[in-house]
N, C-alpha and C. Protein backbone atom coordinates (compact mmCIF):
# COMPACT_ATOMS: atom_id res chain seq x y z
N MET A 1 -29.87 10.60 -16.18
CA MET A 1 -30.55 11.42 -15.16
C MET A 1 -30.15 11.40 -13.79
N ASN A 2 -29.50 10.21 -13.49
CA ASN A 2 -28.90 9.78 -12.18
C ASN A 2 -27.49 10.39 -12.22
N ALA A 3 -26.84 10.57 -13.30
CA ALA A 3 -25.66 11.53 -13.32
C ALA A 3 -25.73 13.19 -13.10
N LEU A 4 -26.96 13.45 -13.73
CA LEU A 4 -27.23 14.75 -13.45
C LEU A 4 -27.43 15.39 -12.07
N LEU A 5 -28.11 14.27 -11.48
CA LEU A 5 -28.25 14.58 -9.89
C LEU A 5 -27.29 14.33 -9.17
N SER A 6 -26.60 13.53 -9.38
CA SER A 6 -25.06 13.25 -8.57
C SER A 6 -24.30 14.39 -8.68
N LEU A 7 -24.14 14.89 -10.15
CA LEU A 7 -23.34 16.14 -10.02
C LEU A 7 -23.94 17.28 -9.19
N SER A 8 -25.04 17.63 -9.37
CA SER A 8 -25.77 18.78 -8.96
C SER A 8 -25.49 18.44 -7.07
N LEU A 9 -25.96 17.60 -6.58
CA LEU A 9 -25.68 17.31 -5.24
C LEU A 9 -24.12 17.41 -4.88
N ALA A 10 -23.14 16.92 -5.68
CA ALA A 10 -21.85 17.02 -5.53
C ALA A 10 -21.29 18.51 -5.25
N LEU A 11 -22.17 19.32 -6.55
CA LEU A 11 -21.64 20.82 -6.37
C LEU A 11 -22.40 21.52 -5.32
N ASN A 12 -23.41 21.08 -5.01
CA ASN A 12 -24.01 21.67 -3.59
C ASN A 12 -23.53 21.43 -2.41
N PHE A 13 -22.92 20.26 -2.28
CA PHE A 13 -22.27 20.07 -1.21
C PHE A 13 -20.67 20.73 -0.98
N LEU A 14 -20.11 20.84 -2.24
CA LEU A 14 -18.84 21.56 -2.29
C LEU A 14 -19.00 22.98 -1.93
N ALA A 15 -20.35 23.51 -2.50
CA ALA A 15 -20.21 24.97 -2.26
C ALA A 15 -20.53 25.31 -0.65
N GLN A 16 -21.13 24.43 -0.06
CA GLN A 16 -21.47 24.49 1.39
C GLN A 16 -20.28 24.12 2.37
N GLN A 17 -18.93 24.02 2.05
CA GLN A 17 -17.88 23.78 2.62
C GLN A 17 -17.34 25.02 3.44
N PRO A 18 -16.94 25.06 4.57
CA PRO A 18 -16.35 26.13 4.92
C PRO A 18 -15.21 26.34 4.46
N ASP A 19 -14.29 27.96 4.56
CA ASP A 19 -13.16 27.88 4.08
C ASP A 19 -12.10 27.38 4.95
N SER A 20 -12.17 27.22 6.20
CA SER A 20 -11.15 26.72 6.95
C SER A 20 -11.79 25.44 7.64
N VAL A 21 -10.76 24.51 7.89
CA VAL A 21 -11.16 23.21 8.69
C VAL A 21 -11.03 23.82 10.10
N GLU A 22 -12.28 23.67 10.91
CA GLU A 22 -12.19 24.26 12.50
C GLU A 22 -11.50 23.05 13.27
N MET A 23 -11.37 21.79 12.91
CA MET A 23 -10.66 20.81 13.79
C MET A 23 -9.04 21.05 13.38
N ALA A 24 -8.78 20.98 12.52
CA ALA A 24 -7.25 21.39 12.07
C ALA A 24 -6.72 22.61 12.55
N ASP A 25 -7.82 23.52 12.75
CA ASP A 25 -7.18 24.78 13.27
C ASP A 25 -7.17 24.75 14.76
N GLN A 26 -8.06 24.09 15.11
CA GLN A 26 -7.63 23.85 16.85
C GLN A 26 -6.65 22.94 17.20
N LEU A 27 -6.47 22.03 16.54
CA LEU A 27 -5.30 21.08 16.52
C LEU A 27 -3.89 21.88 16.51
N ARG A 28 -4.01 22.72 15.48
CA ARG A 28 -2.45 23.34 15.33
C ARG A 28 -2.53 24.57 16.55
N ALA A 29 -3.35 25.11 16.91
CA ALA A 29 -3.79 26.01 17.93
C ALA A 29 -3.14 25.38 19.44
N ASP A 30 -3.63 24.13 19.96
CA ASP A 30 -3.22 23.40 20.81
C ASP A 30 -1.79 22.57 20.66
N GLY A 31 -1.24 22.63 19.44
CA GLY A 31 0.11 22.02 19.20
C GLY A 31 -0.12 20.49 19.13
N LYS A 32 -1.42 20.08 19.01
CA LYS A 32 -1.71 18.62 18.91
C LYS A 32 -1.33 17.92 17.89
N ILE A 33 -1.18 19.29 16.52
CA ILE A 33 -1.26 18.59 15.18
C ILE A 33 -0.03 17.87 15.06
N TRP A 34 1.15 17.98 15.85
CA TRP A 34 2.11 16.91 15.70
C TRP A 34 2.03 15.66 16.13
N VAL A 35 1.05 15.48 17.20
CA VAL A 35 0.67 14.19 17.55
C VAL A 35 0.10 13.25 16.34
N VAL A 36 -0.65 14.09 15.81
CA VAL A 36 -1.22 13.52 14.54
C VAL A 36 -0.16 13.17 13.30
N VAL A 37 0.64 14.00 13.13
CA VAL A 37 1.75 13.80 12.16
C VAL A 37 2.64 12.64 12.73
N LEU A 38 2.81 12.51 14.09
CA LEU A 38 3.67 11.47 14.41
C LEU A 38 3.01 10.09 14.34
N VAL A 39 1.77 10.09 14.47
CA VAL A 39 0.90 8.96 14.35
C VAL A 39 0.93 8.47 13.15
N ILE A 40 0.80 9.28 11.92
CA ILE A 40 0.78 8.99 10.60
C ILE A 40 2.27 8.67 10.24
N ALA A 41 3.24 9.37 10.90
CA ALA A 41 4.52 8.65 10.44
C ALA A 41 4.88 7.57 10.82
N VAL A 42 4.34 7.05 11.99
CA VAL A 42 4.71 5.80 12.69
C VAL A 42 3.89 4.66 11.87
N VAL A 43 2.65 5.06 11.37
CA VAL A 43 1.88 4.11 10.70
C VAL A 43 2.55 3.82 9.47
N PHE A 44 3.01 4.91 8.71
CA PHE A 44 3.76 4.68 7.51
C PHE A 44 5.06 4.03 7.38
N ALA A 45 5.53 4.55 8.54
CA ALA A 45 7.12 3.47 8.95
C ALA A 45 6.88 2.04 8.84
N GLY A 46 5.79 1.60 9.73
CA GLY A 46 5.41 0.45 9.91
C GLY A 46 5.12 -0.41 8.51
N ILE A 47 4.22 0.28 7.98
CA ILE A 47 3.78 -0.24 6.50
C ILE A 47 5.36 -0.58 5.49
N VAL A 48 5.97 0.38 5.65
CA VAL A 48 7.29 0.43 4.84
C VAL A 48 8.09 -1.02 5.42
N ALA A 49 8.09 -0.95 6.67
CA ALA A 49 8.98 -2.06 7.07
C ALA A 49 8.47 -3.35 6.99
N TYR A 50 7.03 -3.59 6.97
CA TYR A 50 6.43 -4.74 6.45
C TYR A 50 6.67 -5.17 5.16
N LEU A 51 6.49 -3.91 4.25
CA LEU A 51 6.76 -4.54 3.03
C LEU A 51 8.28 -4.87 2.33
N ILE A 52 9.04 -4.39 3.29
CA ILE A 52 10.44 -4.62 3.26
C ILE A 52 10.96 -6.22 3.70
N ARG A 53 10.19 -6.44 5.01
CA ARG A 53 10.39 -7.91 5.44
C ARG A 53 9.60 -8.71 4.43
N LEU A 54 8.41 -8.27 3.91
CA LEU A 54 7.73 -9.44 2.89
C LEU A 54 8.43 -9.70 1.63
N ASP A 55 9.11 -8.53 1.38
CA ASP A 55 10.15 -8.47 0.29
C ASP A 55 11.19 -9.50 0.25
N ARG A 56 11.83 -9.32 1.46
CA ARG A 56 12.87 -10.47 1.76
C ARG A 56 12.68 -11.86 2.10
N GLN A 57 11.34 -12.11 2.60
CA GLN A 57 10.88 -13.60 2.51
C GLN A 57 10.59 -14.12 1.35
N LEU A 58 9.90 -13.09 0.53
CA LEU A 58 9.76 -13.58 -1.11
C LEU A 58 10.94 -13.83 -1.84
N SER A 59 12.19 -13.45 -1.60
CA SER A 59 13.16 -13.31 -2.43
C SER A 59 13.67 -14.76 -1.83
N LYS A 60 13.54 -15.25 -0.38
CA LYS A 60 14.13 -16.35 -0.05
C LYS A 60 13.66 -17.44 -0.53
N VAL A 61 12.26 -17.28 -0.50
CA VAL A 61 11.27 -18.71 -1.12
C VAL A 61 11.59 -18.69 -2.71
N GLU A 62 11.75 -17.39 -3.34
CA GLU A 62 12.11 -17.56 -4.71
C GLU A 62 13.56 -18.38 -5.02
N LYS A 63 14.22 -17.81 -4.27
CA LYS A 63 15.86 -18.61 -4.44
C LYS A 63 15.51 -20.22 -4.03
N GLU A 64 14.65 -20.77 -3.27
CA GLU A 64 14.49 -21.94 -2.75
C GLU A 64 13.93 -22.71 -3.85
N VAL A 65 12.91 -22.08 -4.50
CA VAL A 65 12.21 -22.62 -5.62
C VAL A 65 13.33 -22.90 -6.61
N ASN A 66 14.03 -21.96 -7.04
CA ASN A 66 14.57 -22.04 -8.16
C ASN A 66 15.73 -23.02 -8.17
N SER A 67 16.62 -23.29 -6.63
CA SER A 67 17.31 -23.87 -6.53
C SER A 67 16.84 -25.44 -6.49
N LYS A 68 15.54 -25.60 -6.31
CA LYS A 68 15.13 -26.85 -6.29
C LYS A 68 14.61 -27.33 -7.98
N LEU A 69 14.43 -26.43 -8.55
CA LEU A 69 13.91 -26.64 -10.06
C LEU A 69 15.44 -27.00 -10.59
N SER A 70 16.37 -26.29 -10.17
CA SER A 70 17.74 -26.17 -10.98
C SER A 70 18.04 -27.84 -10.63
N ASP A 71 18.11 -28.37 -9.38
CA ASP A 71 18.41 -29.59 -8.93
C ASP A 71 17.55 -30.61 -9.69
N LYS A 72 16.39 -30.53 -9.85
CA LYS A 72 15.37 -31.45 -10.74
C LYS A 72 16.28 -31.56 -12.36
N LYS A 73 16.51 -30.55 -12.71
CA LYS A 73 17.14 -30.41 -14.08
C LYS A 73 18.43 -31.31 -14.24
N THR A 74 19.17 -31.08 -13.58
CA THR A 74 20.25 -31.67 -13.34
C THR A 74 20.30 -33.19 -12.68
N LEU A 75 19.37 -33.67 -12.24
CA LEU A 75 19.49 -34.84 -12.08
C LEU A 75 18.46 -35.60 -13.07
N ASN A 76 17.84 -35.14 -13.81
CA ASN A 76 17.06 -35.81 -14.80
C ASN A 76 17.09 -34.74 -15.95
N PRO A 77 18.00 -34.75 -16.78
CA PRO A 77 17.94 -33.69 -17.98
C PRO A 77 16.95 -34.15 -19.10
N SER A 78 16.66 -35.26 -19.34
CA SER A 78 15.91 -35.83 -20.19
C SER A 78 14.51 -35.22 -20.08
N ALA A 79 14.17 -34.96 -18.59
CA ALA A 79 12.67 -34.55 -18.40
C ALA A 79 12.35 -33.23 -18.84
N GLY A 80 13.65 -32.30 -18.71
CA GLY A 80 13.48 -30.94 -19.42
C GLY A 80 13.32 -31.11 -20.80
N ALA A 81 13.90 -31.64 -21.45
CA ALA A 81 13.56 -31.91 -23.16
C ALA A 81 12.28 -32.57 -23.31
N ALA A 82 11.88 -33.53 -22.58
CA ALA A 82 10.59 -33.87 -22.93
C ALA A 82 9.28 -32.94 -22.81
N GLY A 83 9.74 -32.34 -21.65
CA GLY A 83 8.67 -31.37 -21.56
C GLY A 83 8.31 -30.44 -22.71
N ARG A 84 9.24 -30.42 -23.45
CA ARG A 84 9.04 -29.16 -24.67
C ARG A 84 8.36 -29.78 -25.66
């Protein structure tokens, strides 16, 4: 019953939507749409830069952990066999 009610409300809402978005049309007419595009591009570039930086930091930590593990195995080779 809830699903049918939700579906009917969603269809009613979609049927009432105007054909064009007035705010977007006004932004295009004023030339301010490029400000919106620029802000979105800057935010996206910031997220990409953050992810690249984070990946480099994680790679550095992984290398440190792997080198410490390999140092432990070379110092005590019997400990690696005992753990199996």
